[in-house]
Amino acid sequence: MKAGVVAVQGDVTEHADAVRRAATAHGESVDVVEVRDAGIVPDCDALLMPGGESTTISRLIHREGIASEIREHVRNEKPILATCAGLIVCSRDAKDDRVDPLGVVDVTVDRNAFGRQKDSFEAPIAVAGLTDAFHAVFIRAPLIDEVGSDVEVLARIDDRPVLVRDGPVVATSFHPELTDDPRIHDLAFFPDMAVKA
């Protein structure tokens, strides 16, 4: 599998390490490439949209011609894992004129709705399809406040969605790459194996 990490800004190394851990756990091999320019995404089997600063990520992927390639990736039913700022950029509506969302996840989001950096927190969450709770790390996390009819909510906190699936896209309000637990990356890229694990 060739996995591309959108690397214009954000926690790129952590996602690269996490998808390698997930692949290794299932006896799979993965070639991880960083996506900073157009022309790389079409060759990728999977994509990771990391956290970071959503306004910067949005501006750069449109400027570099990566945005249209990500939309085509989704149209071709290839998987994406979008976390935190990645969720905001992939959403239908980011409620912020500085973000030009890709519209590949039928949700609306509020940026930093869980609070500022000092309000970051960690919590165990129950995830549909996983036996044990996942220890989730929330840092300036966005709130998913509207979910389209075809979007599957996989986890909630206080009845608020924090993990969703829309077709080939899995999107989270939290940072699964900041733990050693590969199961969210499994859900995105090795879903049958995630349930068995």
N, C-alpha and C. Protein backbone atom coordinates (compact mmCIF):
# COMPACT_ATOMS: atom_id res chain seq x y z
N MET A 1 0.85 -1.19 0.00
CA MET A 1 0.00 0.00 0.00
C MET A 1 0.89 1.24 0.00
N LYS A 2 0.49 2.23 -0.78
CA LYS A 2 1.18 3.52 -0.78
C LYS A 2 0.27 4.52 -0.08
N ALA A 3 0.75 5.08 1.03
CA ALA A 3 -0.04 6.02 1.82
C ALA A 3 0.60 7.40 1.73
N GLY A 4 -0.20 8.39 1.39
CA GLY A 4 0.28 9.75 1.33
C GLY A 4 -0.18 10.54 2.53
N VAL A 5 0.74 11.26 3.16
CA VAL A 5 0.40 12.16 4.26
C VAL A 5 0.46 13.58 3.72
N VAL A 6 -0.68 14.27 3.74
CA VAL A 6 -0.71 15.66 3.27
C VAL A 6 0.17 16.47 4.22
N ALA A 7 1.29 16.94 3.69
CA ALA A 7 2.38 17.44 4.53
C ALA A 7 2.65 18.92 4.35
N VAL A 8 1.60 19.67 3.98
CA VAL A 8 1.82 21.11 3.81
C VAL A 8 1.96 21.80 5.16
N GLN A 9 1.42 21.19 6.22
CA GLN A 9 1.51 21.74 7.57
C GLN A 9 0.88 20.73 8.52
N GLY A 10 1.38 20.64 9.77
CA GLY A 10 0.74 19.78 10.76
C GLY A 10 1.63 18.64 11.21
N ASP A 11 1.00 17.70 11.96
CA ASP A 11 1.76 16.60 12.59
C ASP A 11 1.95 15.44 11.62
N VAL A 12 2.85 15.63 10.69
CA VAL A 12 3.07 14.70 9.58
C VAL A 12 3.78 13.44 10.05
N THR A 13 4.87 13.58 10.79
CA THR A 13 5.67 12.43 11.21
C THR A 13 4.86 11.46 12.05
N GLU A 14 4.04 11.99 12.94
CA GLU A 14 3.24 11.12 13.83
C GLU A 14 2.27 10.26 13.02
N HIS A 15 1.66 10.83 11.98
CA HIS A 15 0.74 10.04 11.15
C HIS A 15 1.50 9.00 10.34
N ALA A 16 2.65 9.36 9.82
CA ALA A 16 3.45 8.40 9.06
C ALA A 16 3.82 7.21 9.94
N ASP A 17 4.24 7.50 11.17
CA ASP A 17 4.60 6.42 12.10
C ASP A 17 3.38 5.57 12.43
N ALA A 18 2.22 6.22 12.64
CA ALA A 18 1.01 5.50 13.04
C ALA A 18 0.53 4.56 11.95
N VAL A 19 0.55 4.99 10.69
CA VAL A 19 0.07 4.11 9.63
C VAL A 19 1.06 2.97 9.41
N ARG A 20 2.34 3.22 9.65
CA ARG A 20 3.32 2.11 9.58
C ARG A 20 3.05 1.09 10.67
N ARG A 21 2.75 1.57 11.90
CA ARG A 21 2.44 0.65 13.00
C ARG A 21 1.20 -0.19 12.68
N ALA A 22 0.19 0.46 12.14
CA ALA A 22 -1.05 -0.25 11.81
C ALA A 22 -0.78 -1.32 10.76
N ALA A 23 -0.03 -0.98 9.74
CA ALA A 23 0.27 -1.96 8.68
C ALA A 23 1.08 -3.12 9.22
N THR A 24 2.11 -2.81 9.99
CA THR A 24 2.97 -3.85 10.56
C THR A 24 2.19 -4.80 11.44
N ALA A 25 1.25 -4.26 12.22
CA ALA A 25 0.45 -5.09 13.12
C ALA A 25 -0.36 -6.14 12.37
N HIS A 26 -0.63 -5.89 11.09
CA HIS A 26 -1.43 -6.82 10.30
C HIS A 26 -0.61 -7.50 9.21
N GLY A 27 0.71 -7.44 9.34
CA GLY A 27 1.57 -8.11 8.39
C GLY A 27 1.55 -7.50 7.00
N GLU A 28 1.17 -6.22 6.94
CA GLU A 28 1.13 -5.52 5.65
C GLU A 28 2.35 -4.61 5.54
N SER A 29 2.71 -4.27 4.31
CA SER A 29 3.78 -3.29 4.11
C SER A 29 3.16 -2.01 3.57
N VAL A 30 3.75 -0.89 3.94
CA VAL A 30 3.24 0.39 3.48
C VAL A 30 4.40 1.30 3.13
N ASP A 31 4.27 1.98 2.01
CA ASP A 31 5.24 2.98 1.59
C ASP A 31 4.60 4.34 1.86
N VAL A 32 5.17 5.11 2.79
CA VAL A 32 4.59 6.39 3.17
C VAL A 32 5.33 7.51 2.45
N VAL A 33 4.55 8.38 1.78
CA VAL A 33 5.12 9.52 1.07
C VAL A 33 4.48 10.80 1.59
N GLU A 34 5.23 11.88 1.57
CA GLU A 34 4.71 13.18 1.98
C GLU A 34 4.17 13.92 0.76
N VAL A 35 2.98 14.48 0.91
CA VAL A 35 2.32 15.18 -0.19
C VAL A 35 2.42 16.68 0.05
N ARG A 36 3.25 17.33 -0.74
CA ARG A 36 3.40 18.79 -0.67
C ARG A 36 3.09 19.47 -2.00
N ASP A 37 3.02 18.66 -3.06
CA ASP A 37 2.80 19.19 -4.40
C ASP A 37 1.77 18.33 -5.12
N ALA A 38 1.20 18.89 -6.17
CA ALA A 38 0.29 18.14 -7.03
C ALA A 38 1.05 17.01 -7.72
N GLY A 39 0.30 15.96 -8.07
CA GLY A 39 0.88 14.85 -8.83
C GLY A 39 1.22 13.64 -8.01
N ILE A 40 1.17 13.75 -6.69
CA ILE A 40 1.51 12.61 -5.81
C ILE A 40 0.26 11.83 -5.41
N VAL A 41 -0.82 12.55 -5.09
CA VAL A 41 -2.05 11.91 -4.60
C VAL A 41 -2.58 10.85 -5.56
N PRO A 42 -2.59 11.07 -6.89
CA PRO A 42 -3.16 10.05 -7.77
C PRO A 42 -2.48 8.68 -7.66
N ASP A 43 -1.24 8.64 -7.21
CA ASP A 43 -0.53 7.37 -7.08
C ASP A 43 -0.72 6.72 -5.71
N CYS A 44 -1.45 7.37 -4.82
CA CYS A 44 -1.62 6.87 -3.46
C CYS A 44 -2.86 5.99 -3.34
N ASP A 45 -2.73 4.93 -2.55
CA ASP A 45 -3.87 4.06 -2.25
C ASP A 45 -4.68 4.60 -1.08
N ALA A 46 -4.02 5.36 -0.20
CA ALA A 46 -4.66 5.90 1.00
C ALA A 46 -4.05 7.26 1.30
N LEU A 47 -4.84 8.11 1.98
CA LEU A 47 -4.35 9.43 2.35
C LEU A 47 -4.60 9.70 3.83
N LEU A 48 -3.72 10.50 4.43
CA LEU A 48 -3.90 10.99 5.79
C LEU A 48 -3.90 12.50 5.75
N MET A 49 -4.93 13.10 6.36
CA MET A 49 -5.04 14.55 6.47
C MET A 49 -4.81 14.89 7.93
N PRO A 50 -3.63 15.36 8.30
CA PRO A 50 -3.28 15.54 9.71
C PRO A 50 -3.87 16.79 10.34
N GLY A 51 -3.74 16.85 11.67
CA GLY A 51 -4.08 18.05 12.39
C GLY A 51 -3.05 19.13 12.12
N GLY A 52 -3.33 20.31 12.63
CA GLY A 52 -2.46 21.46 12.41
C GLY A 52 -3.32 22.71 12.41
N GLU A 53 -3.06 23.62 11.50
CA GLU A 53 -3.83 24.85 11.38
C GLU A 53 -4.68 24.77 10.12
N SER A 54 -5.99 24.63 10.30
CA SER A 54 -6.88 24.34 9.18
C SER A 54 -6.87 25.44 8.11
N THR A 55 -6.75 26.70 8.53
CA THR A 55 -6.74 27.78 7.54
C THR A 55 -5.50 27.70 6.65
N THR A 56 -4.37 27.36 7.25
CA THR A 56 -3.12 27.22 6.49
C THR A 56 -3.18 26.01 5.56
N ILE A 57 -3.63 24.88 6.10
CA ILE A 57 -3.73 23.66 5.28
C ILE A 57 -4.64 23.91 4.09
N SER A 58 -5.81 24.51 4.34
CA SER A 58 -6.77 24.78 3.26
C SER A 58 -6.15 25.65 2.18
N ARG A 59 -5.53 26.73 2.59
CA ARG A 59 -4.93 27.65 1.63
C ARG A 59 -3.87 26.97 0.78
N LEU A 60 -3.01 26.16 1.41
CA LEU A 60 -1.88 25.56 0.69
C LEU A 60 -2.33 24.43 -0.24
N ILE A 61 -3.30 23.61 0.17
CA ILE A 61 -3.70 22.51 -0.72
C ILE A 61 -4.41 23.05 -1.96
N HIS A 62 -5.11 24.17 -1.82
CA HIS A 62 -5.74 24.78 -2.99
C HIS A 62 -4.68 25.44 -3.86
N ARG A 63 -3.75 26.14 -3.26
CA ARG A 63 -2.70 26.83 -4.02
C ARG A 63 -1.83 25.86 -4.80
N GLU A 64 -1.53 24.71 -4.19
CA GLU A 64 -0.62 23.75 -4.81
C GLU A 64 -1.32 22.76 -5.74
N GLY A 65 -2.66 22.87 -5.87
CA GLY A 65 -3.38 21.96 -6.76
C GLY A 65 -3.65 20.60 -6.17
N ILE A 66 -3.51 20.46 -4.86
CA ILE A 66 -3.73 19.17 -4.20
C ILE A 66 -5.21 18.94 -3.91
N ALA A 67 -5.96 20.00 -3.69
CA ALA A 67 -7.36 19.88 -3.28
C ALA A 67 -8.19 19.07 -4.27
N SER A 68 -8.07 19.38 -5.54
CA SER A 68 -8.87 18.66 -6.55
C SER A 68 -8.46 17.19 -6.62
N GLU A 69 -7.18 16.91 -6.36
CA GLU A 69 -6.72 15.51 -6.37
C GLU A 69 -7.29 14.74 -5.18
N ILE A 70 -7.46 15.41 -4.04
CA ILE A 70 -8.06 14.75 -2.87
C ILE A 70 -9.53 14.42 -3.16
N ARG A 71 -10.24 15.36 -3.77
CA ARG A 71 -11.64 15.08 -4.13
C ARG A 71 -11.74 13.90 -5.09
N GLU A 72 -10.84 13.83 -6.06
CA GLU A 72 -10.83 12.72 -7.00
C GLU A 72 -10.50 11.41 -6.29
N HIS A 73 -9.59 11.45 -5.34
CA HIS A 73 -9.24 10.28 -4.53
C HIS A 73 -10.50 9.71 -3.87
N VAL A 74 -11.32 10.59 -3.29
CA VAL A 74 -12.56 10.15 -2.64
C VAL A 74 -13.56 9.63 -3.66
N ARG A 75 -13.68 10.30 -4.80
CA ARG A 75 -14.60 9.82 -5.86
C ARG A 75 -14.21 8.42 -6.31
N ASN A 76 -12.92 8.10 -6.25
CA ASN A 76 -12.44 6.77 -6.63
C ASN A 76 -12.53 5.76 -5.48
N GLU A 77 -13.22 6.18 -4.39
CA GLU A 77 -13.47 5.30 -3.23
C GLU A 77 -12.19 4.85 -2.53
N LYS A 78 -11.15 5.67 -2.59
CA LYS A 78 -9.92 5.37 -1.87
C LYS A 78 -10.00 5.98 -0.47
N PRO A 79 -9.47 5.30 0.55
CA PRO A 79 -9.67 5.76 1.93
C PRO A 79 -8.82 6.97 2.32
N ILE A 80 -9.42 7.75 3.24
CA ILE A 80 -8.74 8.89 3.86
C ILE A 80 -9.00 8.83 5.35
N LEU A 81 -7.99 9.15 6.15
CA LEU A 81 -8.17 9.42 7.57
C LEU A 81 -7.87 10.90 7.77
N ALA A 82 -8.87 11.65 8.25
CA ALA A 82 -8.74 13.09 8.46
C ALA A 82 -8.91 13.38 9.95
N THR A 83 -7.90 13.99 10.57
CA THR A 83 -7.94 14.21 12.01
C THR A 83 -7.86 15.70 12.34
N CYS A 84 -8.71 16.12 13.26
CA CYS A 84 -8.72 17.47 13.80
C CYS A 84 -8.79 18.52 12.67
N ALA A 85 -7.72 19.23 12.39
CA ALA A 85 -7.76 20.20 11.30
C ALA A 85 -8.08 19.53 9.97
N GLY A 86 -7.64 18.29 9.80
CA GLY A 86 -7.98 17.54 8.59
C GLY A 86 -9.48 17.35 8.45
N LEU A 87 -10.17 17.09 9.56
CA LEU A 87 -11.63 17.00 9.56
C LEU A 87 -12.24 18.33 9.11
N ILE A 88 -11.74 19.44 9.63
CA ILE A 88 -12.26 20.76 9.27
C ILE A 88 -12.12 20.99 7.77
N VAL A 89 -10.95 20.70 7.23
CA VAL A 89 -10.67 20.92 5.81
C VAL A 89 -11.53 20.00 4.93
N CYS A 90 -11.80 18.79 5.40
CA CYS A 90 -12.58 17.83 4.61
C CYS A 90 -14.09 18.03 4.73
N SER A 91 -14.53 18.84 5.67
CA SER A 91 -15.96 19.00 5.95
C SER A 91 -16.72 19.66 4.80
N ARG A 92 -18.04 19.64 4.92
CA ARG A 92 -18.90 20.37 3.98
C ARG A 92 -18.91 21.86 4.29
N ASP A 93 -18.87 22.18 5.60
CA ASP A 93 -18.95 23.57 6.02
C ASP A 93 -18.12 23.75 7.29
N ALA A 94 -17.07 24.57 7.21
CA ALA A 94 -16.21 24.83 8.37
C ALA A 94 -16.64 26.06 9.15
N LYS A 95 -17.69 26.73 8.68
CA LYS A 95 -18.20 27.93 9.35
C LYS A 95 -17.11 28.98 9.56
N ASP A 96 -16.21 29.07 8.60
CA ASP A 96 -15.10 30.02 8.68
C ASP A 96 -14.70 30.37 7.26
N ASP A 97 -14.82 31.63 6.90
CA ASP A 97 -14.52 32.06 5.53
C ASP A 97 -13.07 31.86 5.14
N ARG A 98 -12.19 31.66 6.13
CA ARG A 98 -10.77 31.46 5.82
C ARG A 98 -10.47 30.04 5.38
N VAL A 99 -11.44 29.14 5.56
CA VAL A 99 -11.27 27.74 5.16
C VAL A 99 -12.16 27.47 3.95
N ASP A 100 -11.56 26.96 2.88
CA ASP A 100 -12.30 26.55 1.69
C ASP A 100 -12.42 25.02 1.75
N PRO A 101 -13.51 24.51 2.35
CA PRO A 101 -13.58 23.07 2.64
C PRO A 101 -13.70 22.23 1.37
N LEU A 102 -13.24 20.98 1.49
CA LEU A 102 -13.25 20.07 0.35
C LEU A 102 -14.62 19.44 0.11
N GLY A 103 -15.46 19.39 1.15
CA GLY A 103 -16.80 18.84 1.00
C GLY A 103 -16.83 17.33 0.80
N VAL A 104 -15.83 16.61 1.29
CA VAL A 104 -15.80 15.16 1.13
C VAL A 104 -16.35 14.42 2.36
N VAL A 105 -16.65 15.17 3.42
CA VAL A 105 -17.34 14.61 4.59
C VAL A 105 -18.56 15.48 4.84
N ASP A 106 -19.74 14.88 4.83
CA ASP A 106 -20.99 15.63 4.92
C ASP A 106 -21.29 16.00 6.37
N VAL A 107 -20.46 16.88 6.92
CA VAL A 107 -20.66 17.39 8.27
C VAL A 107 -20.36 18.89 8.28
N THR A 108 -20.91 19.58 9.27
CA THR A 108 -20.48 20.94 9.55
C THR A 108 -19.73 20.92 10.87
N VAL A 109 -18.76 21.80 11.00
CA VAL A 109 -17.91 21.81 12.19
C VAL A 109 -17.73 23.22 12.72
N ASP A 110 -17.46 23.29 14.01
CA ASP A 110 -17.04 24.53 14.66
C ASP A 110 -15.59 24.37 15.07
N ARG A 111 -14.72 25.21 14.51
CA ARG A 111 -13.29 25.14 14.83
C ARG A 111 -13.07 25.47 16.31
N ASN A 112 -12.18 24.74 16.95
CA ASN A 112 -11.77 24.99 18.34
C ASN A 112 -12.95 25.01 19.32
N ALA A 113 -14.03 24.31 18.99
CA ALA A 113 -15.24 24.36 19.82
C ALA A 113 -15.04 23.76 21.20
N PHE A 114 -14.09 22.82 21.33
CA PHE A 114 -13.82 22.22 22.63
C PHE A 114 -12.93 23.12 23.49
N GLY A 115 -12.50 24.25 22.94
CA GLY A 115 -11.70 25.18 23.73
C GLY A 115 -10.34 25.43 23.11
N ARG A 116 -9.56 26.24 23.79
CA ARG A 116 -8.23 26.61 23.32
C ARG A 116 -7.22 25.55 23.76
N GLN A 117 -5.95 25.82 23.49
CA GLN A 117 -4.89 24.87 23.82
C GLN A 117 -4.94 24.44 25.29
N LYS A 118 -5.19 25.39 26.19
CA LYS A 118 -5.21 25.08 27.62
C LYS A 118 -6.39 24.18 28.00
N ASP A 119 -7.39 24.08 27.11
CA ASP A 119 -8.56 23.23 27.38
C ASP A 119 -8.41 21.84 26.78
N SER A 120 -7.23 21.51 26.29
CA SER A 120 -6.99 20.18 25.74
C SER A 120 -7.21 19.13 26.82
N PHE A 121 -7.67 17.96 26.40
CA PHE A 121 -7.94 16.90 27.37
C PHE A 121 -7.82 15.54 26.70
N GLU A 122 -7.79 14.50 27.53
CA GLU A 122 -7.77 13.12 27.06
C GLU A 122 -8.93 12.39 27.69
N ALA A 123 -9.51 11.44 26.95
CA ALA A 123 -10.67 10.72 27.48
C ALA A 123 -10.81 9.38 26.76
N PRO A 124 -11.24 8.34 27.49
CA PRO A 124 -11.56 7.09 26.82
C PRO A 124 -12.90 7.23 26.10
N ILE A 125 -12.98 6.75 24.87
CA ILE A 125 -14.24 6.82 24.14
C ILE A 125 -14.59 5.43 23.61
N ALA A 126 -15.88 5.14 23.60
CA ALA A 126 -16.37 3.90 23.00
C ALA A 126 -16.50 4.12 21.50
N VAL A 127 -15.92 3.20 20.73
CA VAL A 127 -15.93 3.31 19.27
C VAL A 127 -16.67 2.11 18.69
N ALA A 128 -17.64 2.38 17.84
CA ALA A 128 -18.40 1.31 17.20
C ALA A 128 -17.46 0.35 16.49
N GLY A 129 -17.60 -0.94 16.77
CA GLY A 129 -16.78 -1.96 16.13
C GLY A 129 -15.53 -2.34 16.90
N LEU A 130 -15.17 -1.55 17.92
CA LEU A 130 -13.99 -1.87 18.73
C LEU A 130 -14.45 -2.37 20.09
N THR A 131 -13.80 -3.41 20.58
CA THR A 131 -14.20 -4.02 21.85
C THR A 131 -13.88 -3.13 23.04
N ASP A 132 -12.66 -2.60 23.07
CA ASP A 132 -12.23 -1.78 24.20
C ASP A 132 -12.23 -0.30 23.83
N ALA A 133 -12.34 0.55 24.84
CA ALA A 133 -12.34 2.00 24.63
C ALA A 133 -11.03 2.45 24.00
N PHE A 134 -11.11 3.54 23.25
CA PHE A 134 -9.92 4.16 22.66
C PHE A 134 -9.58 5.39 23.47
N HIS A 135 -8.30 5.54 23.82
CA HIS A 135 -7.86 6.70 24.60
C HIS A 135 -7.61 7.86 23.63
N ALA A 136 -8.53 8.82 23.62
CA ALA A 136 -8.50 9.90 22.63
C ALA A 136 -7.87 11.16 23.21
N VAL A 137 -7.06 11.84 22.38
CA VAL A 137 -6.38 13.08 22.76
C VAL A 137 -7.01 14.23 21.98
N PHE A 138 -7.60 15.18 22.69
CA PHE A 138 -8.27 16.32 22.08
C PHE A 138 -7.43 17.58 22.31
N ILE A 139 -7.00 18.21 21.21
CA ILE A 139 -6.19 19.44 21.30
C ILE A 139 -6.84 20.49 20.40
N ARG A 140 -7.38 21.56 21.00
CA ARG A 140 -8.10 22.59 20.24
C ARG A 140 -9.05 21.93 19.25
N ALA A 141 -9.82 21.00 19.76
CA ALA A 141 -10.60 20.11 18.89
C ALA A 141 -11.83 20.78 18.30
N PRO A 142 -12.13 20.46 17.03
CA PRO A 142 -13.36 20.95 16.42
C PRO A 142 -14.56 20.14 16.90
N LEU A 143 -15.72 20.75 16.86
CA LEU A 143 -16.98 20.09 17.20
C LEU A 143 -17.74 19.77 15.92
N ILE A 144 -18.14 18.54 15.77
CA ILE A 144 -19.02 18.15 14.66
C ILE A 144 -20.44 18.46 15.12
N ASP A 145 -21.09 19.44 14.49
CA ASP A 145 -22.40 19.82 15.00
C ASP A 145 -23.57 19.45 14.10
N GLU A 146 -23.31 19.13 12.84
CA GLU A 146 -24.36 18.61 11.96
C GLU A 146 -23.78 17.47 11.15
N VAL A 147 -24.56 16.40 11.03
CA VAL A 147 -24.10 15.18 10.35
C VAL A 147 -25.10 14.83 9.26
N GLY A 148 -24.61 14.62 8.04
CA GLY A 148 -25.48 14.24 6.93
C GLY A 148 -26.10 12.87 7.13
N SER A 149 -27.16 12.62 6.38
CA SER A 149 -27.94 11.39 6.58
C SER A 149 -27.17 10.12 6.26
N ASP A 150 -26.16 10.22 5.41
CA ASP A 150 -25.39 9.02 5.03
C ASP A 150 -24.10 8.87 5.84
N VAL A 151 -23.90 9.76 6.81
CA VAL A 151 -22.68 9.71 7.63
C VAL A 151 -22.92 8.82 8.84
N GLU A 152 -21.99 7.91 9.07
CA GLU A 152 -22.07 7.00 10.23
C GLU A 152 -21.27 7.60 11.39
N VAL A 153 -21.93 7.79 12.53
CA VAL A 153 -21.24 8.27 13.73
C VAL A 153 -20.68 7.06 14.46
N LEU A 154 -19.36 7.02 14.63
CA LEU A 154 -18.69 5.88 15.25
C LEU A 154 -18.36 6.11 16.72
N ALA A 155 -18.30 7.36 17.16
CA ALA A 155 -18.01 7.65 18.57
C ALA A 155 -18.53 9.03 18.92
N ARG A 156 -18.88 9.18 20.21
CA ARG A 156 -19.39 10.45 20.72
C ARG A 156 -18.77 10.75 22.08
N ILE A 157 -18.76 12.03 22.42
CA ILE A 157 -18.49 12.47 23.80
C ILE A 157 -19.63 13.41 24.17
N ASP A 158 -20.29 13.11 25.29
CA ASP A 158 -21.43 13.93 25.73
C ASP A 158 -22.43 14.11 24.60
N ASP A 159 -22.69 13.02 23.89
CA ASP A 159 -23.64 12.97 22.78
C ASP A 159 -23.22 13.82 21.58
N ARG A 160 -21.96 14.27 21.55
CA ARG A 160 -21.45 15.03 20.41
C ARG A 160 -20.56 14.11 19.57
N PRO A 161 -20.79 14.01 18.26
CA PRO A 161 -19.96 13.15 17.42
C PRO A 161 -18.50 13.61 17.42
N VAL A 162 -17.59 12.66 17.59
CA VAL A 162 -16.16 12.96 17.52
C VAL A 162 -15.41 12.04 16.55
N LEU A 163 -16.13 11.07 15.99
CA LEU A 163 -15.54 10.13 15.02
C LEU A 163 -16.64 9.71 14.06
N VAL A 164 -16.44 9.98 12.77
CA VAL A 164 -17.46 9.66 11.77
C VAL A 164 -16.84 8.98 10.57
N ARG A 165 -17.71 8.29 9.82
CA ARG A 165 -17.30 7.71 8.53
C ARG A 165 -18.29 8.17 7.47
N ASP A 166 -17.77 8.69 6.37
CA ASP A 166 -18.60 9.08 5.23
C ASP A 166 -17.98 8.44 4.00
N GLY A 167 -18.53 7.30 3.60
CA GLY A 167 -17.95 6.57 2.48
C GLY A 167 -16.54 6.14 2.81
N PRO A 168 -15.55 6.50 1.99
CA PRO A 168 -14.18 6.07 2.24
C PRO A 168 -13.42 6.95 3.23
N VAL A 169 -14.09 7.97 3.78
CA VAL A 169 -13.40 8.91 4.67
C VAL A 169 -13.78 8.66 6.13
N VAL A 170 -12.76 8.46 6.96
CA VAL A 170 -12.93 8.41 8.41
C VAL A 170 -12.36 9.71 8.95
N ALA A 171 -13.14 10.41 9.79
CA ALA A 171 -12.72 11.72 10.28
C ALA A 171 -12.91 11.80 11.79
N THR A 172 -11.94 12.41 12.48
CA THR A 172 -11.97 12.49 13.93
C THR A 172 -11.76 13.93 14.40
N SER A 173 -12.36 14.24 15.57
CA SER A 173 -12.08 15.52 16.24
C SER A 173 -10.78 15.46 17.02
N PHE A 174 -10.30 14.25 17.28
CA PHE A 174 -9.14 14.04 18.15
C PHE A 174 -7.93 13.59 17.34
N HIS A 175 -6.84 13.32 18.05
CA HIS A 175 -5.55 12.99 17.42
C HIS A 175 -5.16 11.54 17.72
N PRO A 176 -5.63 10.57 16.93
CA PRO A 176 -5.26 9.17 17.20
C PRO A 176 -3.78 8.88 16.99
N GLU A 177 -3.11 9.72 16.20
CA GLU A 177 -1.69 9.50 15.91
C GLU A 177 -0.79 9.81 17.10
N LEU A 178 -1.36 10.44 18.14
CA LEU A 178 -0.56 10.78 19.32
C LEU A 178 -0.58 9.69 20.38
N THR A 179 -1.15 8.54 20.05
CA THR A 179 -1.12 7.37 20.94
C THR A 179 -0.41 6.23 20.22
N ASP A 180 -0.12 5.18 20.97
CA ASP A 180 0.48 3.99 20.36
C ASP A 180 -0.57 3.01 19.86
N ASP A 181 -1.84 3.36 19.99
CA ASP A 181 -2.95 2.49 19.62
C ASP A 181 -3.28 2.71 18.14
N PRO A 182 -3.12 1.68 17.30
CA PRO A 182 -3.31 1.87 15.86
C PRO A 182 -4.75 1.67 15.38
N ARG A 183 -5.70 1.49 16.30
CA ARG A 183 -7.02 1.01 15.86
C ARG A 183 -7.82 2.02 15.05
N ILE A 184 -7.63 3.31 15.24
CA ILE A 184 -8.35 4.28 14.40
C ILE A 184 -7.78 4.25 12.99
N HIS A 185 -6.47 4.13 12.87
CA HIS A 185 -5.86 3.96 11.55
C HIS A 185 -6.32 2.64 10.93
N ASP A 186 -6.50 1.62 11.76
CA ASP A 186 -7.06 0.35 11.27
C ASP A 186 -8.45 0.58 10.68
N LEU A 187 -9.31 1.32 11.42
CA LEU A 187 -10.67 1.57 10.94
C LEU A 187 -10.67 2.23 9.57
N ALA A 188 -9.72 3.11 9.35
CA ALA A 188 -9.65 3.83 8.08
C ALA A 188 -9.11 2.97 6.96
N PHE A 189 -8.06 2.19 7.25
CA PHE A 189 -7.32 1.52 6.19
C PHE A 189 -7.39 0.00 6.22
N PHE A 190 -7.67 -0.59 7.38
CA PHE A 190 -7.77 -2.06 7.50
C PHE A 190 -9.02 -2.40 8.32
N PRO A 191 -10.22 -2.00 7.88
CA PRO A 191 -11.41 -2.09 8.72
C PRO A 191 -11.76 -3.51 9.17
N ASP A 192 -11.58 -4.49 8.33
CA ASP A 192 -11.89 -5.87 8.74
C ASP A 192 -10.97 -6.32 9.86
N MET A 193 -9.72 -5.93 9.79
CA MET A 193 -8.74 -6.31 10.80
C MET A 193 -8.98 -5.54 12.09
N ALA A 194 -9.47 -4.31 12.01
CA ALA A 194 -9.73 -3.51 13.21
C ALA A 194 -10.78 -4.17 14.08
N VAL A 195 -11.83 -4.70 13.45
CA VAL A 195 -12.89 -5.34 14.20
C VAL A 195 -12.37 -6.61 14.87
N LYS A 196 -11.55 -7.38 14.15
CA LYS A 196 -10.98 -8.60 14.74
C LYS A 196 -10.07 -8.27 15.90
N ALA A 197 -9.30 -7.17 15.79
CA ALA A 197 -8.38 -6.79 16.85
C ALA A 197 -9.15 -6.39 18.10
